[in-house]
Amino acid sequence: LKPVDGNTYYAKDLQYFMDSPTELSHFTTRSFKVDGETIELVLHHRGSKNDVDEYFEQVKKVVLQEKYVYGELPKFDYGTYTFLACYMPNVDGDGMEHRNSTVCTSTRDLSDKTSVGNIKTLAHEFFHTWNIERIRPKSLEPFSFERANMSGELWFGEGFTSYYAGLILCRAGIIEPQDYIQSLIASYNYVWNSSGRLFYNPVEMSYQAPFQDAAESVDQTNSSNTFISYYNYGQMIALALDLSLREMNLNLDDYMKLVWKKYGKKNQYYTNDDLQKSLIEYAGKEFGDSFFNKYIFESNMPDYKSLFNNIGVSLTNKPGLPFYGALFQNQIIIDYPAFNTPYYKAGLSKGDKILKIDAITIFDNSQIVNILSNYKPKDTVSIQFERYGETKETSLQLEESPIYVLSIFEEDGLPIKEDVKVKREEWLGAKK
């Protein structure tokens, strides 16, 4: 908020007031200047002074690496950007972007040096300073507090931000390149093994935000089979776009700079069509039209194996591992089995309790995993289960696991050309 005098602050309207978070606490502060703007870290925590100093050094690295992506910081309304971080045991973990600040909450203490969760959330929210807060979709303006704000651009606003959050930590030297590359595989497997792509493209996934992002309903849904988070979906699209552009000696950073200069810096709102036109302007009509038509307006899968290969990264799966496709708690299937997986084909459903696999009586979840791991793909097993108090039986044919892993060539003992190493360093290395 705009400081007036003493403890008095001013907001020009309700939206600005709601976009300016407040916390009353015993806090610690650190700050530094970048291009005349003050970057302030305000911490409510239980760590030591050294913990704060170490964390602040990470914050500075994140800020500078994200500034490189866009070429400059935005002009903050009152000359200051504030990281309002509350790392206490009584909070829920979250992060929320605002125009001149962010709120990041976590139960993870700063003394926990094994986790990068806190700084990754902070990196995500600071990237929103450009992408969402100023590079803003037209669909979110004017913002309404009386109805759901539907937007078809969240694959870009949230998804591309998610992509950069991890990449920035790598460029800042907070995580190692191998660790960053391996961190991508969870989203890769989630997005490309989901049946949601059969139903909706990234734009249509974005429209579902009011029903998915912290929304609650008493109605049962099968959204695990039809919905893919636009955070992850957009992250994988950003990855594909970045690696595809690098094949042409271009990169996603410069595309983001272009979008910033055309829209965010000029306070002009954008649409999906504007993003497509900007990509055409940056990389040519053939590439821009093809990418959007295949991966944004449709839900095709890019050739990741080839894209990764170009930067010395292997995308492989391990043959011979059995796959069944369901999650359990107390032997009970806790969500609808993934579409077209063995459990789905066997007619099993959410709420079914597994009693026997072949002749073996089941007493806990670990048994289910251990027993099925002894079989091979294409093996058929009998399943006895309970549904609504009735005992039923079915047969289940295991399939090959669709789960992939990522690794750099050197880890696999594969030869790698020097120019490929250079390309990977250009992608992951620190920017100056």
Protein backbone atom coordinates (compact mmCIF):
# COMPACT_ATOMS: atom_id res chain seq x y z
CA LEU A 1 0.00 0.00 0.00
CA LYS A 2 1.01 3.62 -0.44
CA PRO A 3 2.49 5.00 2.79
CA VAL A 4 0.85 8.27 3.83
CA ASP A 5 2.26 9.06 7.27
CA GLY A 6 3.06 7.10 10.41
CA ASN A 7 1.03 3.89 10.29
CA THR A 8 -1.43 5.18 7.68
CA TYR A 9 -1.58 3.64 4.21
CA TYR A 10 -3.69 4.28 1.13
CA ALA A 11 -5.34 2.12 -1.54
CA LYS A 12 -7.00 3.72 -4.55
CA ASP A 13 -9.75 1.07 -4.73
CA LEU A 14 -10.92 -2.30 -3.37
CA GLN A 15 -8.89 -4.35 -5.85
CA TYR A 16 -5.67 -2.58 -4.90
CA PHE A 17 -6.47 -3.01 -1.21
CA MET A 18 -7.14 -6.74 -1.66
CA ASP A 19 -3.94 -7.03 -3.72
CA SER A 20 -1.83 -5.62 -0.84
CA PRO A 21 -1.37 -8.24 1.89
CA THR A 22 -0.75 -7.44 5.54
CA GLU A 23 0.81 -9.46 8.33
CA LEU A 24 1.20 -8.45 11.97
CA SER A 25 4.11 -10.40 13.45
CA HIS A 26 7.56 -10.31 14.98
CA PHE A 27 9.52 -10.16 11.73
CA THR A 28 13.07 -9.82 10.43
CA THR A 29 13.96 -7.75 7.37
CA ARG A 30 16.69 -7.66 4.75
CA SER A 31 16.79 -5.52 1.61
CA PHE A 32 18.92 -4.62 -1.39
CA LYS A 33 18.72 -2.30 -4.40
CA VAL A 34 18.40 -3.34 -8.04
CA ASP A 35 18.24 -0.65 -10.72
CA GLY A 36 16.92 1.87 -8.20
CA GLU A 37 14.19 -0.47 -6.93
CA THR A 38 14.21 -1.81 -3.35
CA ILE A 39 13.78 -5.57 -2.95
CA GLU A 40 12.75 -6.34 0.62
CA LEU A 41 12.59 -9.69 2.41
CA VAL A 42 10.32 -9.69 5.46
CA LEU A 43 10.53 -12.93 7.43
CA HIS A 44 8.40 -14.32 10.23
CA HIS A 45 10.32 -17.44 11.27
CA ARG A 46 12.04 -19.34 14.07
CA GLY A 47 15.50 -19.67 12.51
CA SER A 48 18.83 -18.06 13.32
CA LYS A 49 20.42 -14.90 11.94
CA ASN A 50 22.73 -17.07 9.84
CA ASP A 51 19.69 -18.90 8.41
CA VAL A 52 18.22 -15.56 7.36
CA ASP A 53 21.49 -14.35 5.83
CA GLU A 54 21.91 -17.56 3.82
CA TYR A 55 18.33 -17.47 2.62
CA PHE A 56 18.61 -13.81 1.66
CA GLU A 57 21.61 -14.62 -0.55
CA GLN A 58 19.42 -17.14 -2.37
CA VAL A 59 16.67 -14.54 -2.72
CA LYS A 60 19.09 -12.09 -4.33
CA LYS A 61 20.28 -14.71 -6.82
CA VAL A 62 16.69 -15.54 -7.77
CA VAL A 63 15.80 -11.88 -8.29
CA LEU A 64 18.79 -11.25 -10.55
CA GLN A 65 18.29 -14.40 -12.64
CA GLU A 66 14.61 -13.61 -13.17
CA LYS A 67 15.46 -10.04 -14.07
CA TYR A 68 17.71 -11.46 -16.81
CA VAL A 69 14.80 -13.31 -18.41
CA TYR A 70 12.90 -10.07 -19.00
CA GLY A 71 15.90 -7.76 -19.26
CA GLU A 72 14.68 -5.45 -16.51
CA LEU A 73 12.62 -5.18 -13.34
CA PRO A 74 9.15 -3.64 -13.49
CA LYS A 75 8.74 -0.21 -11.96
CA PHE A 76 7.12 -0.96 -8.61
CA ASP A 77 4.37 1.46 -7.66
CA TYR A 78 6.12 2.86 -4.60
CA GLY A 79 9.68 1.81 -5.40
CA THR A 80 9.65 -1.36 -3.27
CA TYR A 81 8.87 -5.04 -3.80
CA THR A 82 8.28 -7.07 -0.63
CA PHE A 83 8.66 -10.80 -0.09
CA LEU A 84 6.34 -11.41 2.87
CA ALA A 85 7.43 -14.85 4.07
CA CYS A 86 5.87 -16.65 7.03
CA TYR A 87 7.67 -19.92 7.80
CA MET A 88 5.94 -21.08 10.95
CA PRO A 89 4.55 -24.44 12.14
CA ASN A 90 0.95 -23.19 12.37
CA VAL A 91 0.49 -22.05 8.75
CA ASP A 92 -0.69 -23.74 5.56
CA GLY A 93 1.86 -23.94 2.77
CA ASP A 94 1.06 -21.64 -0.13
CA GLY A 95 2.22 -18.73 -2.25
CA MET A 96 0.23 -15.84 -3.72
CA GLU A 97 1.45 -13.19 -6.11
CA HIS A 98 0.54 -9.51 -5.77
CA ARG A 99 1.46 -6.46 -7.79
CA ASN A 100 4.24 -5.22 -5.51
CA SER A 101 4.67 -8.19 -3.18
CA THR A 102 4.08 -11.84 -2.55
CA VAL A 103 2.98 -13.86 0.46
CA CYS A 104 4.79 -17.20 0.88
CA THR A 105 3.86 -19.49 3.77
CA SER A 106 5.33 -22.81 4.83
CA THR A 107 5.85 -25.02 7.85
CA ARG A 108 9.40 -25.70 6.60
CA ASP A 109 11.90 -23.92 8.83
CA LEU A 110 14.88 -22.08 7.32
CA SER A 111 17.20 -24.40 9.23
CA ASP A 112 16.08 -27.25 6.95
CA LYS A 113 18.91 -27.13 4.38
CA THR A 114 17.72 -30.26 2.58
CA SER A 115 14.62 -28.64 1.08
CA VAL A 116 14.38 -26.04 -1.67
CA GLY A 117 10.60 -25.82 -1.35
CA ASN A 118 10.56 -22.38 0.25
CA ILE A 119 12.88 -20.69 -2.24
CA LYS A 120 11.17 -22.42 -5.18
CA THR A 121 7.79 -21.01 -4.12
CA LEU A 122 9.39 -17.60 -3.73
CA ALA A 123 10.93 -17.89 -7.22
CA HIS A 124 7.54 -18.85 -8.67
CA GLU A 125 5.75 -15.90 -7.08
CA PHE A 126 8.41 -13.35 -8.01
CA PHE A 127 8.21 -14.45 -11.66
CA HIS A 128 4.53 -13.47 -11.45
CA THR A 129 5.69 -9.89 -10.93
CA TRP A 130 5.93 -9.86 -14.70
CA ASN A 131 3.86 -12.85 -15.82
CA ILE A 132 0.24 -12.41 -14.55
CA GLU A 133 0.59 -9.18 -12.56
CA ARG A 134 1.77 -7.06 -15.52
CA ILE A 135 1.77 -9.45 -18.48
CA ARG A 136 -1.90 -9.85 -17.75
CA PRO A 137 -4.55 -11.80 -19.66
CA LYS A 138 -7.49 -9.73 -20.84
CA SER A 139 -9.82 -12.37 -19.38
CA LEU A 140 -8.85 -11.32 -15.81
CA GLU A 141 -9.75 -7.66 -16.29
CA PRO A 142 -11.71 -6.08 -14.81
CA PHE A 143 -11.25 -8.45 -11.90
CA SER A 144 -14.49 -9.35 -10.13
CA PHE A 145 -14.96 -10.22 -6.47
CA GLU A 146 -18.56 -11.30 -7.13
CA ARG A 147 -18.09 -14.12 -9.66
CA ALA A 148 -15.50 -16.60 -10.90
CA ASN A 149 -12.86 -15.02 -13.11
CA MET A 150 -12.59 -17.49 -16.00
CA SER A 151 -9.33 -17.39 -17.96
CA GLY A 152 -8.07 -19.52 -20.84
CA GLU A 153 -4.50 -18.26 -20.48
CA LEU A 154 -3.45 -19.88 -17.19
CA TRP A 155 -1.38 -22.51 -19.02
CA PHE A 156 0.86 -19.53 -19.84
CA GLY A 157 0.42 -17.40 -16.72
CA GLU A 158 0.85 -20.22 -14.21
CA GLY A 159 2.41 -22.98 -16.32
CA PHE A 160 5.27 -20.97 -17.81
CA THR A 161 5.88 -19.48 -14.36
CA SER A 162 6.15 -23.02 -12.93
CA TYR A 163 8.67 -23.90 -15.62
CA TYR A 164 10.86 -20.94 -14.79
CA ALA A 165 10.67 -21.45 -11.02
CA GLY A 166 12.77 -24.62 -11.20
CA LEU A 167 14.96 -23.40 -14.05
CA ILE A 168 15.82 -20.22 -12.14
CA LEU A 169 16.97 -22.21 -9.11
CA CYS A 170 19.32 -24.12 -11.40
CA ARG A 171 20.65 -20.98 -13.07
CA ALA A 172 21.12 -19.40 -9.63
CA GLY A 173 23.22 -22.37 -8.50
CA ILE A 174 20.76 -23.32 -5.76
CA ILE A 175 20.20 -26.77 -7.27
CA GLU A 176 22.47 -28.83 -9.52
CA PRO A 177 21.63 -29.28 -13.22
CA GLN A 178 21.17 -33.04 -12.78
CA ASP A 179 18.73 -32.47 -9.93
CA TYR A 180 16.77 -29.92 -11.94
CA ILE A 181 16.52 -32.23 -14.95
CA GLN A 182 15.34 -35.11 -12.80
CA SER A 183 12.77 -32.84 -11.14
CA LEU A 184 11.03 -32.43 -14.50
CA ILE A 185 10.07 -36.07 -14.76
CA ALA A 186 7.21 -35.97 -12.24
CA SER A 187 5.32 -33.38 -14.30
CA TYR A 188 6.26 -35.16 -17.52
CA ASN A 189 4.77 -38.47 -16.35
CA TYR A 190 1.73 -36.77 -14.84
CA VAL A 191 0.86 -34.75 -17.94
CA TRP A 192 1.61 -37.18 -20.72
CA ASN A 193 0.25 -40.29 -19.00
CA SER A 194 -3.01 -38.53 -18.10
CA SER A 195 -6.16 -39.32 -20.04
CA GLY A 196 -7.19 -35.68 -19.58
CA ARG A 197 -5.60 -34.85 -22.94
CA LEU A 198 -8.33 -36.91 -24.59
CA PHE A 199 -10.90 -34.40 -23.37
CA TYR A 200 -9.38 -30.91 -23.09
CA ASN A 201 -6.50 -28.84 -24.45
CA PRO A 202 -4.41 -26.45 -22.27
CA VAL A 203 -6.79 -23.53 -22.88
CA GLU A 204 -9.78 -25.59 -21.75
CA MET A 205 -7.84 -26.88 -18.72
CA SER A 206 -7.22 -23.23 -17.78
CA TYR A 207 -10.94 -22.48 -17.79
CA GLN A 208 -11.43 -25.05 -15.01
CA ALA A 209 -9.41 -23.08 -12.45
CA PRO A 210 -12.48 -22.00 -10.43
CA PHE A 211 -13.34 -25.69 -9.95
CA GLN A 212 -9.82 -26.92 -9.22
CA ASP A 213 -7.52 -24.37 -7.57
CA ALA A 214 -8.48 -24.53 -3.89
CA ALA A 215 -12.16 -24.81 -4.80
CA GLU A 216 -14.32 -27.26 -2.86
CA SER A 217 -17.52 -29.06 -3.69
CA VAL A 218 -19.56 -31.84 -2.15
CA ASP A 219 -20.20 -33.31 -5.59
CA GLN A 220 -18.25 -36.38 -6.68
CA THR A 221 -16.28 -35.86 -9.88
CA ASN A 222 -14.02 -37.92 -12.10
CA SER A 223 -11.69 -34.99 -12.68
CA SER A 224 -8.59 -37.11 -12.03
CA ASN A 225 -9.34 -38.70 -15.41
CA THR A 226 -10.37 -35.54 -17.24
CA PHE A 227 -8.32 -32.69 -15.73
CA ILE A 228 -4.60 -31.90 -15.93
CA SER A 229 -3.35 -29.02 -13.81
CA TYR A 230 -2.53 -26.04 -16.00
CA TYR A 231 0.50 -25.52 -13.75
CA ASN A 232 2.03 -28.82 -14.88
CA TYR A 233 0.57 -28.82 -18.38
CA GLY A 234 1.88 -25.32 -19.02
CA GLN A 235 5.24 -26.23 -17.48
CA MET A 236 5.66 -29.07 -19.99
CA ILE A 237 4.57 -26.83 -22.87
CA ALA A 238 7.11 -24.20 -21.81
CA LEU A 239 9.81 -26.88 -21.67
CA ALA A 240 8.92 -28.09 -25.17
CA LEU A 241 8.80 -24.54 -26.52
CA ASP A 242 12.14 -23.60 -24.97
CA LEU A 243 13.92 -26.70 -26.29
CA SER A 244 12.24 -26.34 -29.70
CA LEU A 245 13.33 -22.72 -30.00
CA ARG A 246 16.88 -23.68 -29.04
CA GLU A 247 16.97 -26.00 -32.04
CA MET A 248 16.60 -22.79 -34.08
CA ASN A 249 19.24 -20.92 -32.02
CA LEU A 250 16.43 -19.01 -30.30
CA ASN A 251 15.18 -19.36 -26.71
CA LEU A 252 12.17 -18.89 -24.46
CA ASP A 253 13.82 -16.05 -22.50
CA ASP A 254 13.78 -13.78 -25.54
CA TYR A 255 10.19 -14.72 -26.35
CA MET A 256 9.21 -13.74 -22.80
CA LYS A 257 11.09 -10.43 -23.24
CA LEU A 258 9.08 -9.77 -26.40
CA VAL A 259 5.76 -10.48 -24.66
CA TRP A 260 6.84 -8.24 -21.77
CA LYS A 261 7.67 -5.33 -24.07
CA LYS A 262 4.53 -5.72 -26.21
CA TYR A 263 2.05 -6.16 -23.36
CA GLY A 264 3.29 -6.03 -19.76
CA LYS A 265 5.46 -2.95 -20.00
CA LYS A 266 2.75 -1.07 -21.91
CA ASN A 267 -0.05 -2.17 -19.54
CA GLN A 268 -1.88 -3.83 -22.45
CA TYR A 269 -3.81 -7.03 -21.78
CA TYR A 270 -3.24 -10.07 -24.00
CA THR A 271 -5.20 -13.04 -25.36
CA ASN A 272 -4.12 -16.48 -26.54
CA ASP A 273 -4.19 -15.15 -30.09
CA ASP A 274 -1.79 -12.40 -29.04
CA LEU A 275 0.62 -14.97 -27.63
CA GLN A 276 0.47 -16.86 -30.93
CA LYS A 277 1.09 -13.68 -32.94
CA SER A 278 4.04 -12.85 -30.70
CA LEU A 279 5.54 -16.30 -31.27
CA ILE A 280 5.08 -15.84 -35.02
CA GLU A 281 6.82 -12.47 -34.75
CA TYR A 282 9.69 -14.05 -32.82
CA ALA A 283 10.15 -17.44 -34.51
CA GLY A 284 8.29 -17.21 -37.83
CA LYS A 285 4.80 -17.99 -39.03
CA GLU A 286 5.35 -21.67 -39.80
CA PHE A 287 6.74 -22.45 -36.36
CA GLY A 288 4.33 -20.22 -34.44
CA ASP A 289 1.22 -21.56 -36.14
CA SER A 290 2.38 -25.15 -35.91
CA PHE A 291 3.23 -24.97 -32.21
CA PHE A 292 -0.03 -23.33 -31.17
CA ASN A 293 -2.22 -25.50 -33.41
CA LYS A 294 -0.63 -28.74 -32.18
CA TYR A 295 0.02 -28.09 -28.51
CA ILE A 296 -2.20 -25.20 -27.35
CA PHE A 297 -5.40 -25.42 -29.40
CA GLU A 298 -5.01 -29.21 -29.62
CA SER A 299 -3.45 -31.56 -27.09
CA ASN A 300 -0.79 -33.37 -29.08
CA MET A 301 2.47 -34.48 -27.46
CA PRO A 302 5.78 -32.93 -28.56
CA ASP A 303 8.73 -35.18 -29.44
CA TYR A 304 10.47 -34.82 -26.08
CA LYS A 305 12.87 -37.68 -26.70
CA SER A 306 14.42 -35.82 -29.63
CA LEU A 307 14.30 -32.44 -27.85
CA PHE A 308 16.11 -33.83 -24.80
CA ASN A 309 18.59 -35.70 -26.95
CA ASN A 310 19.67 -32.40 -28.51
CA ILE A 311 20.89 -31.16 -25.12
CA GLY A 312 22.47 -34.42 -23.94
CA VAL A 313 19.60 -35.72 -21.82
CA SER A 314 18.12 -39.24 -22.07
CA LEU A 315 14.38 -39.84 -21.76
CA THR A 316 13.81 -43.55 -21.16
CA ASN A 317 11.48 -45.97 -19.48
CA LYS A 318 12.40 -49.23 -17.82
CA PRO A 319 10.86 -52.19 -19.67
CA GLY A 320 9.48 -55.16 -17.78
CA LEU A 321 7.96 -53.25 -14.85
CA PRO A 322 4.29 -54.06 -14.18
CA PHE A 323 1.67 -51.31 -14.04
CA TYR A 324 -1.88 -51.36 -12.70
CA GLY A 325 -3.03 -47.74 -12.28
CA ALA A 326 -4.68 -47.05 -8.89
CA LEU A 327 -3.96 -45.49 -5.48
CA PHE A 328 -4.87 -47.18 -2.18
CA GLN A 329 -5.45 -46.29 1.44
CA ASN A 330 -6.35 -49.05 3.91
CA GLN A 331 -6.72 -51.39 0.89
CA ILE A 332 -9.38 -49.07 -0.53
CA ILE A 333 -9.04 -47.45 -3.96
CA ILE A 334 -9.10 -43.75 -3.04
CA ASP A 335 -9.68 -42.25 -6.50
CA TYR A 336 -11.17 -43.40 -9.76
CA PRO A 337 -8.63 -45.60 -11.59
CA ALA A 338 -6.91 -43.84 -14.45
CA PHE A 339 -8.74 -44.22 -17.75
CA ASN A 340 -7.76 -47.27 -19.81
CA THR A 341 -5.37 -48.64 -17.17
CA PRO A 342 -5.53 -52.27 -15.91
CA TYR A 343 -7.67 -51.43 -12.86
CA TYR A 344 -10.04 -49.40 -15.03
CA LYS A 345 -10.36 -52.20 -17.60
CA ALA A 346 -11.00 -54.70 -14.79
CA GLY A 347 -14.07 -52.70 -13.73
CA LEU A 348 -12.67 -51.61 -10.39
CA SER A 349 -13.66 -48.21 -9.04
CA LYS A 350 -13.20 -45.68 -6.27
CA GLY A 351 -14.20 -47.09 -2.88
CA ASP A 352 -13.56 -50.74 -3.75
CA LYS A 353 -11.64 -52.62 -1.04
CA ILE A 354 -9.10 -55.20 -2.23
CA LEU A 355 -9.51 -58.46 -0.30
CA LYS A 356 -7.41 -60.98 -2.26
CA ILE A 357 -4.94 -61.05 -5.13
CA ASP A 358 -5.00 -64.56 -6.56
CA ALA A 359 -5.03 -66.74 -3.42
CA ILE A 360 -3.31 -64.24 -1.13
CA THR A 361 -5.44 -62.43 1.44
CA ILE A 362 -4.66 -58.72 1.68
CA PHE A 363 -4.21 -56.99 5.04
CA ASP A 364 -2.48 -53.69 4.11
CA ASN A 365 -1.49 -51.47 1.19
CA SER A 366 2.15 -52.55 1.07
CA GLN A 367 1.06 -56.09 0.32
CA ILE A 368 -0.78 -54.95 -2.81
CA VAL A 369 2.33 -53.22 -4.17
CA ASN A 370 4.69 -56.05 -3.18
CA ILE A 371 2.52 -58.80 -4.59
CA LEU A 372 1.88 -57.10 -7.93
CA SER A 373 5.58 -56.22 -8.31
CA ASN A 374 6.32 -59.96 -8.54
CA TYR A 375 4.30 -60.23 -11.75
CA LYS A 376 5.28 -59.20 -15.25
CA PRO A 377 3.47 -57.13 -17.87
CA LYS A 378 0.70 -59.14 -19.62
CA ASP A 379 0.32 -61.44 -16.58
CA THR A 380 -3.30 -61.87 -15.48
CA VAL A 381 -4.26 -61.99 -11.78
CA SER A 382 -7.59 -62.53 -10.06
CA ILE A 383 -8.87 -59.82 -7.73
CA GLN A 384 -11.41 -60.32 -4.97
CA PHE A 385 -12.84 -57.04 -3.72
CA GLU A 386 -15.66 -55.60 -1.64
CA ARG A 387 -18.13 -53.03 -3.03
CA TYR A 388 -21.05 -51.71 -0.99
CA GLY A 389 -20.78 -54.68 1.39
CA GLU A 390 -20.80 -57.30 -1.38
CA THR A 391 -17.83 -59.49 -2.29
CA LYS A 392 -17.04 -59.53 -6.01
CA GLU A 393 -14.33 -60.92 -8.27
CA THR A 394 -12.63 -59.77 -11.45
CA SER A 395 -9.45 -60.43 -13.41
CA LEU A 396 -6.78 -57.88 -14.11
CA GLN A 397 -4.10 -57.96 -16.82
CA LEU A 398 -0.98 -56.03 -15.93
CA GLU A 399 0.63 -53.75 -18.50
CA GLU A 400 4.07 -52.27 -19.18
CA SER A 401 4.82 -49.31 -16.93
CA PRO A 402 4.44 -45.97 -18.75
CA ILE A 403 6.72 -44.21 -16.25
CA TYR A 404 9.79 -42.49 -17.73
CA VAL A 405 13.05 -41.27 -16.19
CA LEU A 406 15.48 -38.50 -17.19
CA SER A 407 19.26 -38.50 -16.93
CA ILE A 408 22.15 -36.66 -18.54
CA PHE A 409 24.28 -38.56 -21.05
CA GLU A 410 27.32 -38.57 -18.78
CA GLU A 411 25.43 -40.40 -16.02
CA ASP A 412 24.49 -43.14 -18.50
CA GLY A 413 28.01 -43.40 -19.89
CA LEU A 414 26.87 -42.10 -23.29
CA PRO A 415 29.22 -40.07 -25.50
CA ILE A 416 28.36 -36.39 -25.74
CA LYS A 417 29.60 -33.83 -28.27
CA GLU A 418 31.06 -30.56 -27.06
CA ASP A 419 28.46 -28.46 -28.90
CA VAL A 420 25.69 -30.40 -27.12
CA LYS A 421 27.31 -29.59 -23.76
CA VAL A 422 27.40 -25.93 -24.77
CA LYS A 423 23.70 -25.96 -25.64
CA ARG A 424 22.85 -27.51 -22.29
CA GLU A 425 24.93 -24.91 -20.46
CA GLU A 426 23.21 -22.13 -22.40
CA TRP A 427 19.91 -23.53 -21.19
CA LEU A 428 20.79 -24.19 -17.54
CA GLY A 429 23.75 -21.92 -16.81
CA ALA A 430 23.73 -18.64 -14.88
CA LYS A 431 22.95 -15.51 -16.92
CA LYS A 432 24.95 -12.31 -16.54
